[in-house]
Amino acid sequence: AEDGIRDSDSVSAFLLNRSSDLIAGFFDLMLAYNEGAAFSFLANQDGWQRWFFALLSSVISIVLLVWLRRLPLSHRWTALAISLVIGGAIGNLIDRVAYGHVVDFLLFYIDPWYWPAFNIADSAISVGVVTLIITELFGLDRKREAA
């Protein structure tokens, strides 16, 4: 098996053997390994980043779990946002510990511009952070609490 891919891993095999666009000129599935953080930050290091990012995502997840536990029940938007970030962080943590890298497979592009490949866990983190920012900026949970 090459690059940590098991022969029985049908999803990886499917992604490795793809050669066409799902939505021509816009979207495709591909197999990419990210040993770093967002946009392959620190990916070219000698391996220490695997454990650094694993530790960092563990600590952040614990802090967010404590925050989530202390939230009033009326803060549903904040709870949703925190839960998405925790879920995404744990998803990427599992990849990082099990394989030594995060498996990215979603690719959006408009030739010749490509967004870096990412995965569903990355999407959950991004949506969670944006939801948290919007919730805080517009006071969605405070309005609900006041009502």
N, C-alpha and C. Protein backbone atom coordinates (compact mmCIF):
# COMPACT_ATOMS: atom_id res chain seq x y z
N ALA A 1 0.85 -1.19 0.00
CA ALA A 1 0.00 0.00 0.00
C ALA A 1 0.88 1.24 0.00
N GLU A 2 0.50 2.20 -0.79
CA GLU A 2 1.30 3.40 -0.96
C GLU A 2 0.72 4.55 -0.15
N ASP A 3 1.58 5.33 0.52
CA ASP A 3 1.17 6.50 1.29
C ASP A 3 0.09 6.18 2.32
N GLY A 4 0.16 5.04 2.95
CA GLY A 4 -0.78 4.71 4.01
C GLY A 4 -2.15 4.25 3.54
N ILE A 5 -2.31 3.99 2.25
CA ILE A 5 -3.60 3.53 1.73
C ILE A 5 -3.63 2.02 1.77
N ARG A 6 -4.66 1.47 2.36
CA ARG A 6 -4.84 0.02 2.38
C ARG A 6 -5.55 -0.39 1.10
N ASP A 7 -5.22 -1.57 0.59
CA ASP A 7 -5.87 -2.08 -0.62
C ASP A 7 -7.37 -2.20 -0.43
N SER A 8 -7.82 -2.47 0.80
CA SER A 8 -9.24 -2.65 1.06
C SER A 8 -9.98 -1.33 1.21
N ASP A 9 -9.28 -0.22 1.19
CA ASP A 9 -9.92 1.07 1.36
C ASP A 9 -10.53 1.50 0.02
N SER A 10 -11.80 1.17 -0.17
CA SER A 10 -12.44 1.39 -1.47
C SER A 10 -12.60 2.86 -1.80
N VAL A 11 -12.77 3.71 -0.79
CA VAL A 11 -12.91 5.14 -1.07
C VAL A 11 -11.60 5.68 -1.63
N SER A 12 -10.50 5.34 -0.99
CA SER A 12 -9.20 5.79 -1.50
C SER A 12 -8.93 5.24 -2.88
N ALA A 13 -9.27 3.98 -3.11
CA ALA A 13 -9.07 3.38 -4.43
C ALA A 13 -9.90 4.11 -5.48
N PHE A 14 -11.13 4.43 -5.13
CA PHE A 14 -12.00 5.16 -6.05
C PHE A 14 -11.38 6.51 -6.40
N LEU A 15 -10.91 7.23 -5.38
CA LEU A 15 -10.34 8.55 -5.61
C LEU A 15 -9.04 8.47 -6.39
N LEU A 16 -8.24 7.46 -6.14
CA LEU A 16 -6.98 7.30 -6.87
C LEU A 16 -7.19 7.01 -8.35
N ASN A 17 -8.26 6.33 -8.68
CA ASN A 17 -8.50 5.90 -10.06
C ASN A 17 -9.42 6.82 -10.85
N ARG A 18 -9.69 7.99 -10.33
CA ARG A 18 -10.56 8.94 -11.02
C ARG A 18 -9.79 9.75 -12.05
N SER A 19 -10.47 10.11 -13.12
CA SER A 19 -9.79 10.94 -14.12
C SER A 19 -10.72 11.97 -14.75
N SER A 20 -11.96 12.09 -14.28
CA SER A 20 -12.86 13.04 -14.91
C SER A 20 -13.51 13.96 -13.87
N ASP A 21 -14.01 15.08 -14.34
CA ASP A 21 -14.68 16.06 -13.49
C ASP A 21 -16.10 15.61 -13.19
N LEU A 22 -16.55 15.81 -11.96
CA LEU A 22 -17.94 15.54 -11.64
C LEU A 22 -18.83 16.64 -12.21
N ILE A 23 -18.40 17.88 -11.99
CA ILE A 23 -19.08 19.03 -12.60
C ILE A 23 -17.99 19.76 -13.37
N ALA A 24 -17.97 19.56 -14.68
CA ALA A 24 -16.89 20.05 -15.53
C ALA A 24 -16.62 21.53 -15.29
N GLY A 25 -15.35 21.86 -15.08
CA GLY A 25 -14.92 23.23 -14.91
C GLY A 25 -15.24 23.82 -13.55
N PHE A 26 -15.73 23.01 -12.58
CA PHE A 26 -16.11 23.57 -11.29
C PHE A 26 -15.79 22.68 -10.09
N PHE A 27 -16.07 21.38 -10.18
CA PHE A 27 -15.94 20.51 -9.00
C PHE A 27 -15.49 19.11 -9.39
N ASP A 28 -14.62 18.55 -8.55
CA ASP A 28 -14.21 17.17 -8.74
C ASP A 28 -13.80 16.59 -7.39
N LEU A 29 -13.69 15.28 -7.37
CA LEU A 29 -13.15 14.58 -6.21
C LEU A 29 -11.72 14.21 -6.53
N MET A 30 -10.84 14.34 -5.55
CA MET A 30 -9.44 13.98 -5.73
C MET A 30 -8.91 13.49 -4.41
N LEU A 31 -7.78 12.88 -4.40
CA LEU A 31 -7.16 12.40 -3.18
C LEU A 31 -5.93 13.24 -2.90
N ALA A 32 -5.92 13.90 -1.74
CA ALA A 32 -4.77 14.72 -1.35
C ALA A 32 -4.50 14.50 0.13
N TYR A 33 -3.23 14.48 0.48
CA TYR A 33 -2.83 14.32 1.88
C TYR A 33 -2.25 15.63 2.37
N ASN A 34 -2.75 16.11 3.49
CA ASN A 34 -2.26 17.34 4.08
C ASN A 34 -1.61 17.02 5.41
N GLU A 35 -0.30 17.10 5.45
CA GLU A 35 0.44 16.83 6.68
C GLU A 35 0.55 18.06 7.55
N GLY A 36 0.10 19.20 7.04
CA GLY A 36 0.15 20.44 7.81
C GLY A 36 -1.23 20.84 8.29
N ALA A 37 -1.41 22.13 8.42
CA ALA A 37 -2.71 22.67 8.83
C ALA A 37 -3.37 23.31 7.61
N ALA A 38 -4.19 24.30 7.82
CA ALA A 38 -4.91 24.94 6.72
C ALA A 38 -3.95 25.38 5.62
N PHE A 39 -4.33 25.10 4.38
CA PHE A 39 -3.54 25.45 3.20
C PHE A 39 -2.13 24.85 3.26
N SER A 40 -2.01 23.69 3.89
CA SER A 40 -0.75 22.93 4.02
C SER A 40 0.32 23.67 4.83
N PHE A 41 -0.11 24.54 5.73
CA PHE A 41 0.82 25.26 6.61
C PHE A 41 1.67 24.26 7.39
N LEU A 42 2.96 24.37 7.33
CA LEU A 42 3.96 23.51 7.97
C LEU A 42 4.01 22.09 7.42
N ALA A 43 3.41 21.83 6.28
CA ALA A 43 3.39 20.48 5.72
C ALA A 43 4.77 19.97 5.33
N ASN A 44 5.70 20.87 5.06
CA ASN A 44 7.02 20.45 4.60
C ASN A 44 8.00 20.19 5.74
N GLN A 45 7.52 20.15 6.97
CA GLN A 45 8.39 19.87 8.12
C GLN A 45 8.66 18.37 8.22
N ASP A 46 9.49 17.98 9.18
CA ASP A 46 9.94 16.58 9.23
C ASP A 46 9.08 15.64 10.07
N GLY A 47 7.87 16.02 10.41
CA GLY A 47 6.96 15.12 11.10
C GLY A 47 6.49 15.57 12.47
N TRP A 48 7.19 16.52 13.09
CA TRP A 48 6.79 17.00 14.41
C TRP A 48 5.42 17.66 14.37
N GLN A 49 5.04 18.21 13.20
CA GLN A 49 3.77 18.92 13.10
C GLN A 49 2.57 18.00 13.30
N ARG A 50 2.74 16.71 12.98
CA ARG A 50 1.64 15.75 13.18
C ARG A 50 1.18 15.77 14.63
N TRP A 51 2.12 15.67 15.55
CA TRP A 51 1.77 15.61 16.97
C TRP A 51 1.44 16.98 17.52
N PHE A 52 2.06 18.02 16.98
CA PHE A 52 1.73 19.38 17.40
C PHE A 52 0.27 19.69 17.07
N PHE A 53 -0.14 19.40 15.83
CA PHE A 53 -1.53 19.68 15.44
C PHE A 53 -2.51 18.75 16.14
N ALA A 54 -2.10 17.53 16.42
CA ALA A 54 -2.96 16.61 17.18
C ALA A 54 -3.18 17.15 18.59
N LEU A 55 -2.11 17.60 19.23
CA LEU A 55 -2.23 18.17 20.57
C LEU A 55 -3.05 19.45 20.55
N LEU A 56 -2.77 20.31 19.58
CA LEU A 56 -3.49 21.58 19.47
C LEU A 56 -4.99 21.36 19.28
N SER A 57 -5.36 20.46 18.38
CA SER A 57 -6.79 20.22 18.14
C SER A 57 -7.45 19.55 19.35
N SER A 58 -6.70 18.73 20.09
CA SER A 58 -7.24 18.12 21.31
C SER A 58 -7.52 19.18 22.36
N VAL A 59 -6.55 20.06 22.58
CA VAL A 59 -6.72 21.11 23.58
C VAL A 59 -7.87 22.04 23.20
N ILE A 60 -7.92 22.45 21.94
CA ILE A 60 -9.00 23.33 21.49
C ILE A 60 -10.35 22.64 21.64
N SER A 61 -10.43 21.36 21.31
CA SER A 61 -11.69 20.63 21.46
C SER A 61 -12.14 20.57 22.91
N ILE A 62 -11.20 20.35 23.82
CA ILE A 62 -11.54 20.31 25.25
C ILE A 62 -12.03 21.66 25.73
N VAL A 63 -11.34 22.73 25.34
CA VAL A 63 -11.76 24.08 25.72
C VAL A 63 -13.16 24.37 25.17
N LEU A 64 -13.40 24.00 23.92
CA LEU A 64 -14.72 24.23 23.33
C LEU A 64 -15.80 23.38 24.00
N LEU A 65 -15.46 22.15 24.40
CA LEU A 65 -16.42 21.31 25.12
C LEU A 65 -16.80 21.93 26.46
N VAL A 66 -15.83 22.49 27.17
CA VAL A 66 -16.11 23.17 28.43
C VAL A 66 -17.02 24.37 28.18
N TRP A 67 -16.71 25.16 27.15
CA TRP A 67 -17.54 26.31 26.79
C TRP A 67 -18.96 25.85 26.45
N LEU A 68 -19.08 24.82 25.67
CA LEU A 68 -20.38 24.28 25.27
C LEU A 68 -21.18 23.84 26.49
N ARG A 69 -20.52 23.17 27.41
CA ARG A 69 -21.18 22.68 28.62
C ARG A 69 -21.72 23.81 29.48
N ARG A 70 -21.03 24.95 29.47
CA ARG A 70 -21.42 26.10 30.32
C ARG A 70 -22.42 27.04 29.65
N LEU A 71 -22.73 26.79 28.40
CA LEU A 71 -23.67 27.67 27.69
C LEU A 71 -25.09 27.52 28.23
N PRO A 72 -25.82 28.63 28.32
CA PRO A 72 -27.24 28.51 28.65
C PRO A 72 -27.97 27.76 27.53
N LEU A 73 -29.02 27.05 27.87
CA LEU A 73 -29.76 26.27 26.87
C LEU A 73 -30.34 27.14 25.76
N SER A 74 -30.55 28.41 26.03
CA SER A 74 -31.13 29.31 25.02
C SER A 74 -30.13 29.70 23.94
N HIS A 75 -28.86 29.43 24.11
CA HIS A 75 -27.83 29.82 23.14
C HIS A 75 -27.65 28.72 22.09
N ARG A 76 -28.68 28.48 21.33
CA ARG A 76 -28.68 27.38 20.36
C ARG A 76 -27.73 27.61 19.20
N TRP A 77 -27.65 28.84 18.70
CA TRP A 77 -26.77 29.13 17.57
C TRP A 77 -25.30 28.96 17.97
N THR A 78 -24.96 29.47 19.15
CA THR A 78 -23.59 29.32 19.63
C THR A 78 -23.26 27.85 19.84
N ALA A 79 -24.20 27.10 20.40
CA ALA A 79 -23.99 25.66 20.62
C ALA A 79 -23.79 24.93 19.30
N LEU A 80 -24.59 25.28 18.31
CA LEU A 80 -24.44 24.66 16.99
C LEU A 80 -23.06 24.96 16.41
N ALA A 81 -22.65 26.22 16.48
CA ALA A 81 -21.36 26.62 15.93
C ALA A 81 -20.21 25.90 16.62
N ILE A 82 -20.23 25.87 17.94
CA ILE A 82 -19.17 25.20 18.69
C ILE A 82 -19.16 23.71 18.37
N SER A 83 -20.33 23.11 18.26
CA SER A 83 -20.41 21.67 17.96
C SER A 83 -19.82 21.36 16.59
N LEU A 84 -20.07 22.22 15.61
CA LEU A 84 -19.49 22.01 14.28
C LEU A 84 -17.97 22.08 14.32
N VAL A 85 -17.44 23.06 15.05
CA VAL A 85 -15.98 23.19 15.15
C VAL A 85 -15.38 21.97 15.86
N ILE A 86 -16.01 21.54 16.94
CA ILE A 86 -15.52 20.36 17.67
C ILE A 86 -15.56 19.13 16.76
N GLY A 87 -16.67 18.92 16.08
CA GLY A 87 -16.80 17.77 15.19
C GLY A 87 -15.75 17.76 14.10
N GLY A 88 -15.52 18.90 13.49
CA GLY A 88 -14.50 18.99 12.44
C GLY A 88 -13.10 18.78 12.99
N ALA A 89 -12.82 19.36 14.15
CA ALA A 89 -11.49 19.20 14.76
C ALA A 89 -11.23 17.74 15.11
N ILE A 90 -12.24 17.06 15.65
CA ILE A 90 -12.06 15.65 16.01
C ILE A 90 -11.94 14.79 14.75
N GLY A 91 -12.70 15.11 13.71
CA GLY A 91 -12.57 14.37 12.45
C GLY A 91 -11.17 14.47 11.88
N ASN A 92 -10.62 15.66 11.85
CA ASN A 92 -9.25 15.83 11.35
C ASN A 92 -8.23 15.22 12.31
N LEU A 93 -8.51 15.26 13.61
CA LEU A 93 -7.62 14.65 14.60
C LEU A 93 -7.52 13.14 14.36
N ILE A 94 -8.65 12.51 14.10
CA ILE A 94 -8.65 11.06 13.83
C ILE A 94 -7.78 10.74 12.62
N ASP A 95 -7.96 11.50 11.53
CA ASP A 95 -7.10 11.30 10.35
C ASP A 95 -5.63 11.47 10.69
N ARG A 96 -5.33 12.55 11.40
CA ARG A 96 -3.94 12.88 11.70
C ARG A 96 -3.27 11.79 12.55
N VAL A 97 -3.98 11.29 13.55
CA VAL A 97 -3.39 10.26 14.42
C VAL A 97 -3.33 8.91 13.69
N ALA A 98 -4.38 8.56 12.97
CA ALA A 98 -4.43 7.26 12.31
C ALA A 98 -3.51 7.16 11.10
N TYR A 99 -3.43 8.24 10.31
CA TYR A 99 -2.70 8.17 9.04
C TYR A 99 -1.46 9.07 8.98
N GLY A 100 -1.32 9.99 9.91
CA GLY A 100 -0.20 10.92 9.88
C GLY A 100 -0.47 12.14 9.03
N HIS A 101 -1.65 12.24 8.47
CA HIS A 101 -2.04 13.37 7.64
C HIS A 101 -3.56 13.42 7.58
N VAL A 102 -4.07 14.55 7.14
CA VAL A 102 -5.51 14.70 6.93
C VAL A 102 -5.79 14.36 5.47
N VAL A 103 -6.84 13.60 5.23
CA VAL A 103 -7.23 13.21 3.88
C VAL A 103 -8.21 14.24 3.33
N ASP A 104 -7.80 14.95 2.30
CA ASP A 104 -8.65 15.93 1.63
C ASP A 104 -9.12 15.35 0.30
N PHE A 105 -10.34 15.69 -0.10
CA PHE A 105 -10.85 15.07 -1.32
C PHE A 105 -11.83 15.93 -2.12
N LEU A 106 -12.22 17.08 -1.62
CA LEU A 106 -13.14 17.95 -2.35
C LEU A 106 -12.34 19.05 -3.06
N LEU A 107 -12.56 19.21 -4.34
CA LEU A 107 -11.80 20.19 -5.12
C LEU A 107 -12.76 21.05 -5.93
N PHE A 108 -12.75 22.35 -5.63
CA PHE A 108 -13.54 23.32 -6.38
C PHE A 108 -12.59 24.20 -7.18
N TYR A 109 -12.99 24.54 -8.39
CA TYR A 109 -12.12 25.33 -9.24
C TYR A 109 -12.91 25.97 -10.38
N ILE A 110 -12.35 27.02 -10.89
CA ILE A 110 -12.78 27.61 -12.16
C ILE A 110 -11.48 27.86 -12.90
N ASP A 111 -11.23 27.03 -13.93
CA ASP A 111 -9.94 27.09 -14.60
C ASP A 111 -9.54 28.52 -14.88
N PRO A 112 -8.35 28.92 -14.59
CA PRO A 112 -7.22 28.16 -14.05
C PRO A 112 -7.09 28.28 -12.53
N TRP A 113 -8.11 28.78 -11.83
CA TRP A 113 -8.03 29.01 -10.39
C TRP A 113 -8.62 27.84 -9.61
N TYR A 114 -7.84 27.34 -8.68
CA TYR A 114 -8.24 26.21 -7.86
C TYR A 114 -8.24 26.60 -6.39
N TRP A 115 -9.28 26.22 -5.67
CA TRP A 115 -9.27 26.33 -4.22
C TRP A 115 -8.55 25.08 -3.71
N PRO A 116 -7.72 25.20 -2.68
CA PRO A 116 -7.04 23.99 -2.18
C PRO A 116 -8.05 22.91 -1.78
N ALA A 117 -7.71 21.66 -2.04
CA ALA A 117 -8.59 20.55 -1.68
C ALA A 117 -8.85 20.56 -0.18
N PHE A 118 -10.04 20.14 0.20
CA PHE A 118 -10.41 20.10 1.61
C PHE A 118 -11.34 18.93 1.85
N ASN A 119 -11.80 18.76 3.09
CA ASN A 119 -12.68 17.64 3.42
C ASN A 119 -13.90 18.13 4.18
N ILE A 120 -14.77 17.23 4.57
CA ILE A 120 -16.01 17.60 5.25
C ILE A 120 -15.72 18.16 6.64
N ALA A 121 -14.70 17.64 7.31
CA ALA A 121 -14.33 18.16 8.62
C ALA A 121 -13.90 19.62 8.51
N ASP A 122 -13.12 19.95 7.48
CA ASP A 122 -12.73 21.35 7.24
C ASP A 122 -13.96 22.22 7.02
N SER A 123 -14.93 21.69 6.29
CA SER A 123 -16.16 22.43 6.03
C SER A 123 -16.92 22.69 7.33
N ALA A 124 -16.99 21.68 8.20
CA ALA A 124 -17.68 21.85 9.48
C ALA A 124 -17.01 22.92 10.32
N ILE A 125 -15.69 22.92 10.35
CA ILE A 125 -14.95 23.95 11.10
C ILE A 125 -15.25 25.33 10.53
N SER A 126 -15.19 25.46 9.22
CA SER A 126 -15.42 26.76 8.57
C SER A 126 -16.84 27.26 8.81
N VAL A 127 -17.82 26.40 8.61
CA VAL A 127 -19.22 26.79 8.83
C VAL A 127 -19.44 27.13 10.30
N GLY A 128 -18.83 26.37 11.20
CA GLY A 128 -18.96 26.65 12.63
C GLY A 128 -18.38 27.99 13.01
N VAL A 129 -17.20 28.31 12.51
CA VAL A 129 -16.56 29.59 12.82
C VAL A 129 -17.38 30.75 12.26
N VAL A 130 -17.83 30.63 11.01
CA VAL A 130 -18.65 31.69 10.41
C VAL A 130 -19.96 31.85 11.18
N THR A 131 -20.59 30.75 11.57
CA THR A 131 -21.82 30.81 12.36
C THR A 131 -21.57 31.49 13.70
N LEU A 132 -20.46 31.17 14.34
CA LEU A 132 -20.12 31.80 15.62
C LEU A 132 -19.92 33.30 15.46
N ILE A 133 -19.22 33.70 14.42
CA ILE A 133 -19.00 35.14 14.17
C ILE A 133 -20.32 35.85 13.92
N ILE A 134 -21.16 35.30 13.06
CA ILE A 134 -22.45 35.92 12.77
C ILE A 134 -23.32 35.97 14.02
N THR A 135 -23.33 34.90 14.79
CA THR A 135 -24.13 34.86 16.03
C THR A 135 -23.69 35.95 16.98
N GLU A 136 -22.39 36.14 17.11
CA GLU A 136 -21.89 37.17 18.02
C GLU A 136 -22.10 38.57 17.47
N LEU A 137 -21.84 38.77 16.17
CA LEU A 137 -22.01 40.09 15.57
C LEU A 137 -23.45 40.58 15.64
N PHE A 138 -24.38 39.68 15.37
CA PHE A 138 -25.78 40.07 15.33
C PHE A 138 -26.54 39.73 16.60
N GLY A 139 -25.86 39.20 17.60
CA GLY A 139 -26.46 38.91 18.88
C GLY A 139 -27.65 37.96 18.81
N LEU A 140 -27.58 36.96 17.94
CA LEU A 140 -28.72 36.07 17.73
C LEU A 140 -29.16 35.38 19.01
N ASP A 141 -28.22 34.89 19.80
CA ASP A 141 -28.59 34.22 21.04
C ASP A 141 -29.03 35.20 22.12
N ARG A 142 -28.47 36.41 22.12
CA ARG A 142 -28.90 37.40 23.10
C ARG A 142 -30.32 37.86 22.84
N LYS A 143 -30.68 38.01 21.55
CA LYS A 143 -32.05 38.38 21.20
C LYS A 143 -33.02 37.30 21.63
N ARG A 144 -32.63 36.07 21.45
CA ARG A 144 -33.47 34.93 21.83
C ARG A 144 -33.64 34.90 23.35
N GLU A 145 -32.55 35.19 24.08
CA GLU A 145 -32.58 35.17 25.54
C GLU A 145 -33.47 36.28 26.08
N ALA A 146 -33.45 37.43 25.40
CA ALA A 146 -34.25 38.59 25.85
C ALA A 146 -35.73 38.40 25.57
N ALA A 147 -36.06 37.57 24.58
CA ALA A 147 -37.47 37.38 24.20
C ALA A 147 -38.23 36.53 25.18
